[in-house]
C-alpha atoms as a PDB file:
ATOM      1  CA  MET A   1      99.503 309.236 160.686  1.00  0.00           C
ATOM      2  CA  ALA A   2      97.869 307.266 163.503  1.00  0.00           C
ATOM      3  CA  ALA A   3      99.822 304.012 163.573  1.00  0.00           C
ATOM      4  CA  GLY A   4     102.283 304.910 166.354  1.00  0.00           C
ATOM      5  CA  ILE A   5     102.527 302.729 169.435  1.00  0.00           C
ATOM      6  CA  GLY A   6     102.340 305.508 172.048  1.00  0.00           C
ATOM      7  CA  SER A   7     104.595 303.631 174.479  1.00  0.00           C
ATOM      8  CA  ARG A   8     105.544 306.649 176.605  1.00  0.00           C
ATOM      9  CA  TYR A   9     101.875 307.624 176.919  1.00  0.00           C
ATOM     10  CA  GLY A  10     100.804 304.243 178.245  1.00  0.00           C
ATOM     11  CA  GLY A  11      97.778 303.734 176.025  1.00  0.00           C
ATOM     12  CA  LEU A  12      96.102 304.431 172.704  1.00  0.00           C
ATOM     13  CA  LYS A  13      96.482 308.196 172.778  1.00  0.00           C
ATOM     14  CA  GLN A  14      95.123 308.697 169.251  1.00  0.00           C
ATOM     15  CA  ILE A  15      91.562 308.028 170.451  1.00  0.00           C
ATOM     16  CA  ASP A  16      91.730 309.382 174.008  1.00  0.00           C
ATOM     17  CA  PRO A  17      88.969 312.052 174.331  1.00  0.00           C
ATOM     18  CA  ILE A  18      90.073 315.619 175.088  1.00  0.00           C
ATOM     19  CA  GLY A  19      87.066 317.713 173.951  1.00  0.00           C
ATOM     20  CA  PRO A  20      83.827 318.442 175.879  1.00  0.00           C
ATOM     21  CA  ASN A  21      81.834 315.951 173.783  1.00  0.00           C
ATOM     22  CA  GLY A  22      84.448 313.228 173.589  1.00  0.00           C
ATOM     23  CA  GLU A  23      86.346 314.776 170.664  1.00  0.00           C
ATOM     24  CA  ILE A  24      89.848 313.466 170.091  1.00  0.00           C
ATOM     25  CA  ILE A  25      92.775 315.527 168.840  1.00  0.00           C
ATOM     26  CA  ILE A  26      92.335 314.367 165.247  1.00  0.00           C
ATOM     27  CA  ASP A  27      88.757 315.728 165.305  1.00  0.00           C
ATOM     28  CA  TYR A  28      90.147 319.229 165.699  1.00  0.00           C
ATOM     29  CA  SER A  29      92.839 318.612 163.083  1.00  0.00           C
ATOM     30  CA  ILE A  30      90.271 317.484 160.515  1.00  0.00           C
ATOM     31  CA  TYR A  31      87.963 320.378 161.399  1.00  0.00           C
ATOM     32  CA  ASP A  32      90.810 322.833 160.781  1.00  0.00           C
ATOM     33  CA  ALA A  33      91.902 321.082 157.570  1.00  0.00           C
ATOM     34  CA  LEU A  34      88.389 321.107 156.095  1.00  0.00           C
ATOM     35  CA  HIS A  35      87.957 324.783 156.938  1.00  0.00           C
ATOM     36  CA  ALA A  36      91.297 325.504 155.249  1.00  0.00           C
ATOM     37  CA  GLY A  37      90.105 323.839 152.024  1.00  0.00           C
ATOM     38  CA  PHE A  38      91.258 320.209 152.142  1.00  0.00           C
ATOM     39  CA  THR A  39      88.634 317.729 150.916  1.00  0.00           C
ATOM     40  CA  ASN A  40      90.114 314.232 151.372  1.00  0.00           C
ATOM     41  CA  VAL A  41      91.392 312.486 154.502  1.00  0.00           C
ATOM     42  CA  VAL A  42      93.552 309.353 154.599  1.00  0.00           C
ATOM     43  CA  PHE A  43      94.052 307.705 157.991  1.00  0.00           C
ATOM     44  CA  ILE A  44      97.182 305.563 158.364  1.00  0.00           C
ATOM     45  CA  VAL A  45      96.501 303.046 161.131  1.00  0.00           C
ATOM     46  CA  ARG A  46      97.468 299.611 162.413  1.00  0.00           C
ATOM     47  CA  ASP A  47      95.217 296.606 161.951  1.00  0.00           C
ATOM     48  CA  GLU A  48      94.483 296.319 165.658  1.00  0.00           C
ATOM     49  CA  ILE A  49      93.110 299.875 166.008  1.00  0.00           C
ATOM     50  CA  LEU A  50      91.268 300.185 162.681  1.00  0.00           C
ATOM     51  CA  LYS A  51      87.824 299.139 163.938  1.00  0.00           C
ATOM     52  CA  GLU A  52      87.837 301.357 167.013  1.00  0.00           C
ATOM     53  CA  PHE A  53      89.466 304.269 165.228  1.00  0.00           C
ATOM     54  CA  SER A  54      86.989 304.249 162.334  1.00  0.00           C
ATOM     55  CA  ALA A  55      84.060 303.968 164.764  1.00  0.00           C
ATOM     56  CA  ARG A  56      85.281 306.981 166.737  1.00  0.00           C
ATOM     57  CA  ILE A  57      85.963 309.283 163.809  1.00  0.00           C
ATOM     58  CA  GLY A  58      84.662 307.858 160.527  1.00  0.00           C
ATOM     59  CA  ARG A  59      80.927 308.346 161.131  1.00  0.00           C
ATOM     60  CA  LYS A  60      81.440 311.995 162.069  1.00  0.00           C
ATOM     61  CA  LEU A  61      82.897 312.717 158.634  1.00  0.00           C
ATOM     62  CA  GLU A  62      80.145 311.192 156.504  1.00  0.00           C
ATOM     63  CA  GLY A  63      79.063 313.765 153.960  1.00  0.00           C
ATOM     64  CA  ARG A  64      81.860 316.170 154.926  1.00  0.00           C
ATOM     65  CA  CYS A  65      84.813 314.748 152.989  1.00  0.00           C
ATOM     66  CA  ASP A  66      86.166 311.620 151.329  1.00  0.00           C
ATOM     67  CA  VAL A  67      87.744 309.235 153.839  1.00  0.00           C
ATOM     68  CA  SER A  68      90.175 306.354 153.266  1.00  0.00           C
ATOM     69  CA  TYR A  69      91.954 304.008 155.662  1.00  0.00           C
ATOM     70  CA  VAL A  70      95.410 302.608 154.982  1.00  0.00           C
ATOM     71  CA  ILE A  71      97.007 299.896 157.106  1.00  0.00           C
ATOM     72  CA  GLN A  72     100.705 300.305 157.863  1.00  0.00           C
ATOM     73  CA  ARG A  73     101.993 296.741 157.934  1.00  0.00           C
ATOM     74  CA  LEU A  74     105.435 295.404 158.797  1.00  0.00           C
ATOM     75  CA  SER A  75     105.071 293.026 155.870  1.00  0.00           C
ATOM     76  CA  ASP A  76     104.729 295.888 153.359  1.00  0.00           C
ATOM     77  CA  LEU A  77     108.241 295.390 152.012  1.00  0.00           C
ATOM     78  CA  PRO A  78     109.883 295.373 148.573  1.00  0.00           C
ATOM     79  CA  SER A  79     110.083 292.071 146.748  1.00  0.00           C
ATOM     80  CA  GLY A  80     112.835 289.858 148.125  1.00  0.00           C
ATOM     81  CA  TYR A  81     112.768 291.315 151.658  1.00  0.00           C
ATOM     82  CA  ALA A  82     111.302 289.755 154.817  1.00  0.00           C
ATOM     83  CA  VAL A  83     110.434 291.108 158.252  1.00  0.00           C
ATOM     84  CA  PRO A  84     113.545 290.696 160.449  1.00  0.00           C
ATOM     85  CA  ALA A  85     113.277 288.232 163.313  1.00  0.00           C
ATOM     86  CA  GLY A  86     111.984 289.927 166.454  1.00  0.00           C
ATOM     87  CA  ARG A  87     110.807 293.068 164.661  1.00  0.00           C
ATOM     88  CA  THR A  88     107.547 294.439 166.114  1.00  0.00           C
ATOM     89  CA  LYS A  89     108.164 298.184 165.844  1.00  0.00           C
ATOM     90  CA  PRO A  90     106.510 299.972 162.863  1.00  0.00           C
ATOM     91  CA  TRP A  91     108.890 300.962 160.077  1.00  0.00           C
ATOM     92  CA  GLY A  92     108.516 304.700 160.727  1.00  0.00           C
ATOM     93  CA  THR A  93     106.903 307.820 159.319  1.00  0.00           C
ATOM     94  CA  ALA A  94     108.360 307.606 155.802  1.00  0.00           C
ATOM     95  CA  HIS A  95     107.073 304.043 155.535  1.00  0.00           C
ATOM     96  CA  ALA A  96     103.655 305.214 156.798  1.00  0.00           C
ATOM     97  CA  VAL A  97     103.350 307.711 153.952  1.00  0.00           C
ATOM     98  CA  HIS A  98     104.706 305.116 151.517  1.00  0.00           C
ATOM     99  CA  ALA A  99     101.739 302.914 152.481  1.00  0.00           C
ATOM    100  CA  CYS A 100      99.432 305.554 150.926  1.00  0.00           C
ATOM    101  CA  ARG A 101     100.943 305.266 147.460  1.00  0.00           C
ATOM    102  CA  ASP A 102      97.788 303.792 145.920  1.00  0.00           C
ATOM    103  CA  VAL A 103      95.301 306.307 147.346  1.00  0.00           C
ATOM    104  CA  ILE A 104      97.028 309.676 146.866  1.00  0.00           C
ATOM    105  CA  ASP A 105      96.697 311.281 143.441  1.00  0.00           C
ATOM    106  CA  GLY A 106      97.778 314.895 143.998  1.00  0.00           C
ATOM    107  CA  PRO A 107      99.432 317.351 146.412  1.00  0.00           C
ATOM    108  CA  PHE A 108      98.934 316.330 150.028  1.00  0.00           C
ATOM    109  CA  ALA A 109      99.671 317.262 153.634  1.00  0.00           C
ATOM    110  CA  VAL A 110     101.063 314.957 156.322  1.00  0.00           C
ATOM    111  CA  ILE A 111     100.328 315.308 160.040  1.00  0.00           C
ATOM    112  CA  ASN A 112     100.528 313.248 163.236  1.00  0.00           C
ATOM    113  CA  ALA A 113      97.172 312.131 164.631  1.00  0.00           C
ATOM    114  CA  ASP A 114      98.202 312.931 168.208  1.00  0.00           C
ATOM    115  CA  ASP A 115      99.403 316.506 167.597  1.00  0.00           C
ATOM    116  CA  PHE A 116      97.264 319.651 167.685  1.00  0.00           C
ATOM    117  CA  TYR A 117      98.676 322.151 165.183  1.00  0.00           C
ATOM    118  CA  GLY A 118      96.230 325.101 165.094  1.00  0.00           C
ATOM    119  CA  GLY A 119      93.993 326.359 162.303  1.00  0.00           C
ATOM    120  CA  SER A 120      96.398 328.876 160.741  1.00  0.00           C
ATOM    121  CA  ALA A 121      98.956 326.115 160.084  1.00  0.00           C
ATOM    122  CA  TYR A 122      96.477 324.279 157.835  1.00  0.00           C
ATOM    123  CA  ARG A 123      95.686 327.465 155.945  1.00  0.00           C
ATOM    124  CA  LEU A 124      99.395 328.039 155.315  1.00  0.00           C
ATOM    125  CA  LEU A 125      99.772 324.475 154.006  1.00  0.00           C
ATOM    126  CA  TYR A 126      96.695 324.596 151.798  1.00  0.00           C
ATOM    127  CA  ASP A 127      97.593 327.944 150.245  1.00  0.00           C
ATOM    128  CA  TYR A 128     101.106 326.729 149.446  1.00  0.00           C
ATOM    129  CA  LEU A 129      99.980 323.424 147.950  1.00  0.00           C
ATOM    130  CA  LEU A 130      97.497 325.210 145.663  1.00  0.00           C
ATOM    131  CA  HIS A 131     100.482 326.583 143.757  1.00  0.00           C
ATOM    132  CA  ALA A 132     103.152 323.932 144.397  1.00  0.00           C
ATOM    133  CA  HIS A 133     104.774 322.894 141.142  1.00  0.00           C
ATOM    134  CA  ASP A 134     107.722 320.549 140.655  1.00  0.00           C
ATOM    135  CA  GLN A 135     110.399 321.622 138.222  1.00  0.00           C
ATOM    136  CA  LYS A 136     112.162 319.095 136.007  1.00  0.00           C
ATOM    137  CA  ASP A 137     114.914 318.403 138.523  1.00  0.00           C
ATOM    138  CA  LEU A 138     113.561 319.960 141.705  1.00  0.00           C
ATOM    139  CA  CYS A 139     110.551 318.925 143.791  1.00  0.00           C
ATOM    140  CA  ASP A 140     108.498 321.675 145.438  1.00  0.00           C
ATOM    141  CA  TYR A 141     107.653 320.875 149.073  1.00  0.00           C
ATOM    142  CA  CYS A 142     106.896 322.818 152.249  1.00  0.00           C
ATOM    143  CA  MET A 143     106.988 322.382 156.024  1.00  0.00           C
ATOM    144  CA  ILE A 144     105.306 324.137 158.933  1.00  0.00           C
ATOM    145  CA  SER A 145     107.818 325.195 161.584  1.00  0.00           C
ATOM    146  CA  TYR A 146     107.043 325.928 165.220  1.00  0.00           C
ATOM    147  CA  LEU A 147     109.004 327.701 167.903  1.00  0.00           C
ATOM    148  CA  LEU A 148     110.674 325.044 170.036  1.00  0.00           C
ATOM    149  CA  GLY A 149     109.421 326.678 173.213  1.00  0.00           C
ATOM    150  CA  ASN A 150     105.830 326.252 172.016  1.00  0.00           C
ATOM    151  CA  THR A 151     106.203 322.479 171.616  1.00  0.00           C
ATOM    152  CA  LEU A 152     107.656 321.211 174.888  1.00  0.00           C
ATOM    153  CA  THR A 153     106.130 319.345 177.819  1.00  0.00           C
ATOM    154  CA  GLU A 154     106.933 319.664 181.507  1.00  0.00           C
ATOM    155  CA  HIS A 155     106.433 315.928 182.009  1.00  0.00           C
ATOM    156  CA  GLY A 156     109.492 314.438 180.320  1.00  0.00           C
ATOM    157  CA  HIS A 157     111.666 314.481 177.240  1.00  0.00           C
ATOM    158  CA  VAL A 158     110.555 314.780 173.619  1.00  0.00           C
ATOM    159  CA  ALA A 159     112.105 314.321 170.194  1.00  0.00           C
ATOM    160  CA  ARG A 160     112.155 317.340 167.911  1.00  0.00           C
ATOM    161  CA  GLY A 161     113.605 318.083 164.501  1.00  0.00           C
ATOM    162  CA  VAL A 162     115.573 321.306 164.995  1.00  0.00           C
ATOM    163  CA  CYS A 163     115.772 323.109 161.648  1.00  0.00           C
ATOM    164  CA  SER A 164     118.376 325.226 159.893  1.00  0.00           C
ATOM    165  CA  VAL A 165     116.673 327.709 157.573  1.00  0.00           C
ATOM    166  CA  SER A 166     118.175 329.849 154.812  1.00  0.00           C
ATOM    167  CA  ASP A 167     117.785 333.635 154.733  1.00  0.00           C
ATOM    168  CA  ASP A 168     115.121 333.276 152.029  1.00  0.00           C
ATOM    169  CA  GLY A 169     113.102 330.816 154.096  1.00  0.00           C
ATOM    170  CA  TYR A 170     114.061 327.382 152.762  1.00  0.00           C
ATOM    171  CA  LEU A 171     114.993 324.351 154.816  1.00  0.00           C
ATOM    172  CA  LEU A 172     118.723 323.602 154.829  1.00  0.00           C
ATOM    173  CA  ASP A 173     118.700 320.577 157.145  1.00  0.00           C
ATOM    174  CA  ILE A 174     117.050 319.031 160.179  1.00  0.00           C
ATOM    175  CA  HIS A 175     118.935 317.791 163.225  1.00  0.00           C
ATOM    176  CA  GLU A 176     116.815 315.178 164.963  1.00  0.00           C
ATOM    177  CA  ARG A 177     117.267 315.728 168.692  1.00  0.00           C
ATOM    178  CA  LYS A 178     115.774 312.647 170.316  1.00  0.00           C
ATOM    179  CA  ARG A 179     115.950 313.908 173.910  1.00  0.00           C
ATOM    180  CA  ILE A 180     115.006 317.512 174.631  1.00  0.00           C
ATOM    181  CA  GLU A 181     113.887 318.520 178.114  1.00  0.00           C
ATOM    182  CA  LEU A 182     113.064 321.677 180.024  1.00  0.00           C
ATOM    183  CA  PHE A 183     115.423 322.666 182.835  1.00  0.00           C
ATOM    184  CA  ASP A 184     114.051 325.616 184.821  1.00  0.00           C
ATOM    185  CA  GLY A 185     112.250 326.769 181.691  1.00  0.00           C
ATOM    186  CA  THR A 186     115.291 326.406 179.400  1.00  0.00           C
ATOM    187  CA  PRO A 187     115.326 323.719 176.664  1.00  0.00           C
ATOM    188  CA  ARG A 188     118.369 321.463 176.576  1.00  0.00           C
ATOM    189  CA  PHE A 189     119.196 318.370 174.574  1.00  0.00           C
ATOM    190  CA  THR A 190     121.578 315.462 175.021  1.00  0.00           C
ATOM    191  CA  GLU A 191     123.021 312.897 172.660  1.00  0.00           C
ATOM    192  CA  ASP A 192     124.617 310.668 175.284  1.00  0.00           C
ATOM    193  CA  GLY A 193     122.354 311.102 178.329  1.00  0.00           C
ATOM    194  CA  GLU A 194     125.080 312.875 180.291  1.00  0.00           C
ATOM    195  CA  ASN A 195     126.120 316.070 178.524  1.00  0.00           C
ATOM    196  CA  TRP A 196     123.382 318.673 177.984  1.00  0.00           C
ATOM    197  CA  ILE A 197     123.433 321.540 175.482  1.00  0.00           C
ATOM    198  CA  SER A 198     121.124 324.548 175.678  1.00  0.00           C
ATOM    199  CA  VAL A 199     119.037 325.453 172.659  1.00  0.00           C
ATOM    200  CA  SER A 200     116.995 328.595 172.064  1.00  0.00           C
ATOM    201  CA  PRO A 201     113.247 328.348 172.728  1.00  0.00           C
ATOM    202  CA  ASP A 202     112.847 330.352 169.494  1.00  0.00           C
ATOM    203  CA  ALA A 203     114.613 327.694 167.399  1.00  0.00           C
ATOM    204  CA  PRO A 204     112.411 326.541 164.493  1.00  0.00           C
ATOM    205  CA  VAL A 205     111.395 322.891 164.787  1.00  0.00           C
ATOM    206  CA  SER A 206     109.515 320.415 162.648  1.00  0.00           C
ATOM    207  CA  MET A 207     106.455 318.713 164.137  1.00  0.00           C
ATOM    208  CA  ASN A 208     105.912 316.408 161.159  1.00  0.00           C
ATOM    209  CA  MET A 209     103.518 318.790 159.405  1.00  0.00           C
ATOM    210  CA  TRP A 210     104.494 318.689 155.753  1.00  0.00           C
ATOM    211  CA  GLY A 211     103.179 319.592 152.319  1.00  0.00           C
ATOM    212  CA  PHE A 212     104.251 317.440 149.357  1.00  0.00           C
ATOM    213  CA  THR A 213     103.532 316.949 145.708  1.00  0.00           C
ATOM    214  CA  ARG A 214     102.924 313.394 144.570  1.00  0.00           C
ATOM    215  CA  SER A 215     106.561 313.094 143.460  1.00  0.00           C
ATOM    216  CA  LEU A 216     107.505 312.246 147.047  1.00  0.00           C
ATOM    217  CA  LEU A 217     105.788 308.851 146.772  1.00  0.00           C
ATOM    218  CA  SER A 218     108.171 307.559 144.123  1.00  0.00           C
ATOM    219  CA  GLU A 219     111.141 308.693 146.222  1.00  0.00           C
ATOM    220  CA  LEU A 220     109.749 306.915 149.274  1.00  0.00           C
ATOM    221  CA  GLY A 221     109.534 303.662 147.376  1.00  0.00           C
ATOM    222  CA  SER A 222     112.918 303.776 145.674  1.00  0.00           C
ATOM    223  CA  ARG A 223     114.770 304.769 148.853  1.00  0.00           C
ATOM    224  CA  PHE A 224     113.113 302.206 151.112  1.00  0.00           C
ATOM    225  CA  GLU A 225     115.341 299.414 149.801  1.00  0.00           C
ATOM    226  CA  ARG A 226     118.394 301.575 150.478  1.00  0.00           C
ATOM    227  CA  PHE A 227     117.219 302.043 154.069  1.00  0.00           C
ATOM    228  CA  LEU A 228     116.638 298.310 154.551  1.00  0.00           C
ATOM    229  CA  ASP A 229     120.087 297.454 153.210  1.00  0.00           C
ATOM    230  CA  ALA A 230     121.787 299.995 155.495  1.00  0.00           C
ATOM    231  CA  MET A 231     120.042 299.129 158.802  1.00  0.00           C
ATOM    232  CA  SER A 232     122.361 298.754 161.769  1.00  0.00           C
ATOM    233  CA  ASP A 233     119.635 297.408 164.088  1.00  0.00           C
ATOM    234  CA  PRO A 234     116.916 295.598 162.085  1.00  0.00           C
ATOM    235  CA  SER A 235     114.731 295.311 165.182  1.00  0.00           C
ATOM    236  CA  LYS A 236     114.522 299.067 165.840  1.00  0.00           C
ATOM    237  CA  ASP A 237     115.757 301.245 162.964  1.00  0.00           C
ATOM    238  CA  GLU A 238     113.052 303.487 161.468  1.00  0.00           C
ATOM    239  CA  TYR A 239     112.545 304.905 157.986  1.00  0.00           C
ATOM    240  CA  LEU A 240     111.833 308.515 158.966  1.00  0.00           C
ATOM    241  CA  LEU A 241     110.299 311.303 156.922  1.00  0.00           C
ATOM    242  CA  PRO A 242     112.604 314.127 158.153  1.00  0.00           C
ATOM    243  CA  GLU A 243     115.707 312.101 157.311  1.00  0.00           C
ATOM    244  CA  LEU A 244     114.438 311.304 153.823  1.00  0.00           C
ATOM    245  CA  VAL A 245     113.572 314.963 153.186  1.00  0.00           C
ATOM    246  CA  GLY A 246     117.050 315.886 154.385  1.00  0.00           C
ATOM    247  CA  GLU A 247     118.542 313.501 151.845  1.00  0.00           C
ATOM    248  CA  LEU A 248     116.541 315.066 149.025  1.00  0.00           C
ATOM    249  CA  ILE A 249     117.681 318.547 150.041  1.00  0.00           C
ATOM    250  CA  SER A 250     121.346 317.533 150.275  1.00  0.00           C
ATOM    251  CA  GLU A 251     121.119 315.916 146.844  1.00  0.00           C
ATOM    252  CA  GLU A 252     119.495 319.105 145.467  1.00  0.00           C
ATOM    253  CA  MET A 253     116.442 317.131 144.412  1.00  0.00           C
ATOM    254  CA  ALA A 254     113.927 319.100 146.496  1.00  0.00           C
ATOM    255  CA  SER A 255     113.372 322.552 147.931  1.00  0.00           C
ATOM    256  CA  VAL A 256     111.325 322.822 151.124  1.00  0.00           C
ATOM    257  CA  LYS A 257     109.759 326.177 151.934  1.00  0.00           C
ATOM    258  CA  VAL A 258     109.571 326.739 155.694  1.00  0.00           C
ATOM    259  CA  LEU A 259     106.219 328.250 156.652  1.00  0.00           C
ATOM    260  CA  ARG A 260     106.559 329.696 160.132  1.00  0.00           C
ATOM    261  CA  THR A 261     103.725 329.786 162.647  1.00  0.00           C
ATOM    262  CA  ASP A 262     103.411 331.137 166.169  1.00  0.00           C
ATOM    263  CA  GLU A 263     100.607 328.679 166.929  1.00  0.00           C
ATOM    264  CA  LYS A 264     100.764 326.942 170.286  1.00  0.00           C
ATOM    265  CA  TRP A 265     101.273 323.223 169.708  1.00  0.00           C
ATOM    266  CA  PHE A 266      99.472 320.722 171.947  1.00  0.00           C
ATOM    267  CA  GLY A 267     100.419 317.080 172.228  1.00  0.00           C
ATOM    268  CA  VAL A 268      99.986 314.060 174.454  1.00  0.00           C
ATOM    269  CA  THR A 269     103.429 312.512 174.574  1.00  0.00           C
ATOM    270  CA  TYR A 270     102.767 311.553 178.199  1.00  0.00           C
ATOM    271  CA  ARG A 271      99.498 310.817 179.974  1.00  0.00           C
ATOM    272  CA  GLU A 272     100.142 313.811 182.245  1.00  0.00           C
ATOM    273  CA  ASP A 273      99.898 316.069 179.165  1.00  0.00           C
ATOM    274  CA  ARG A 274      96.218 315.262 178.686  1.00  0.00           C
ATOM    275  CA  ALA A 275      94.946 317.796 181.238  1.00  0.00           C
ATOM    276  CA  ARG A 276      96.973 320.581 179.595  1.00  0.00           C
ATOM    277  CA  VAL A 277      95.562 319.722 176.177  1.00  0.00           C
ATOM    278  CA  GLN A 278      92.024 319.666 177.539  1.00  0.00           C
ATOM    279  CA  GLU A 279      92.552 323.077 179.129  1.00  0.00           C
ATOM    280  CA  GLY A 280      93.990 324.461 175.879  1.00  0.00           C
ATOM    281  CA  ILE A 281      90.985 323.250 173.905  1.00  0.00           C
ATOM    282  CA  ARG A 282      88.607 324.660 176.518  1.00  0.00           C
ATOM    283  CA  LYS A 283      90.190 328.119 176.176  1.00  0.00           C
ATOM    284  CA  LEU A 284      89.953 327.993 172.366  1.00  0.00           C
ATOM    285  CA  ILE A 285      86.259 327.138 172.654  1.00  0.00           C
ATOM    286  CA  GLU A 286      85.736 330.074 175.031  1.00  0.00           C
ATOM    287  CA  GLN A 287      87.485 332.345 172.508  1.00  0.00           C
ATOM    288  CA  GLY A 288      85.104 331.202 169.766  1.00  0.00           C
ATOM    289  CA  ILE A 289      87.807 329.435 167.737  1.00  0.00           C
ATOM    290  CA  TYR A 290      85.860 326.177 167.915  1.00  0.00           C
ATOM    291  CA  PRO A 291      82.196 325.465 168.598  1.00  0.00           C
ATOM    292  CA  ARG A 292      81.504 323.597 171.806  1.00  0.00           C
ATOM    293  CA  ASP A 293      79.962 320.720 169.848  1.00  0.00           C
ATOM    294  CA  LEU A 294      82.506 320.442 167.059  1.00  0.00           C
ATOM    295  CA  TRP A 295      80.555 318.463 164.459  1.00  0.00           C
ATOM    296  CA  THR A 296      77.066 319.929 164.872  1.00  0.00           C
END
């Protein structure tokens, strides 16, 4: 998913170079995914970044995998619905995946273009999806979970989906905490901007790295109308993937296996994060995890 605005970052972070040869974060994500076994890549973008995005990444992948581009458009709405007056914000992550309904024909993974997840996370996803099998009344999905403390930035607040997990490793629910910050090394979140609650750095969190069977696509479509009818703020409300998955779990329509990883997450929520990501990539290259020239 590469259609986000990146307002807190102050620029088009999806194509900001962080590697020694101008590689962007999604270069490393695709490299890891291909090495794990994935063979097809679908980029979800906005119209205004398609040309630049495809020029930066598309040519590198020629002969390596099948590549498709999907435009996430505000006007991609069910029959009888129109874009609300003043709406400019994309419809959200669930809508982004919904936009891929005509190009996905089997089990698939979902990631953010501006998040670095680590190679072992892709191997966990791929191995699970090889054997994922929906039952008659229960969809078989999975999610990669990270330790909260491995996903925070020192440069501001972040949103994280804090997960409750059953004893046998299945997702029970996700509490979307939209403002988590570090205070003297301790994560805290607030719902009202005034009262802060501490949360363990070892809490499992979702970073929007999911594995789904194709059954999710029909749920995304049928539930989109329900979301549109229930909006409280048509100019800002978002159709979000974690919330939809939570609905499916609560309705006992899906089970979501939580695949835990100790990988260190990198991200560029804020422009100040870029130097830290560059340093992290440099260390991984020195350790031999990645070649210095990624695509040659």
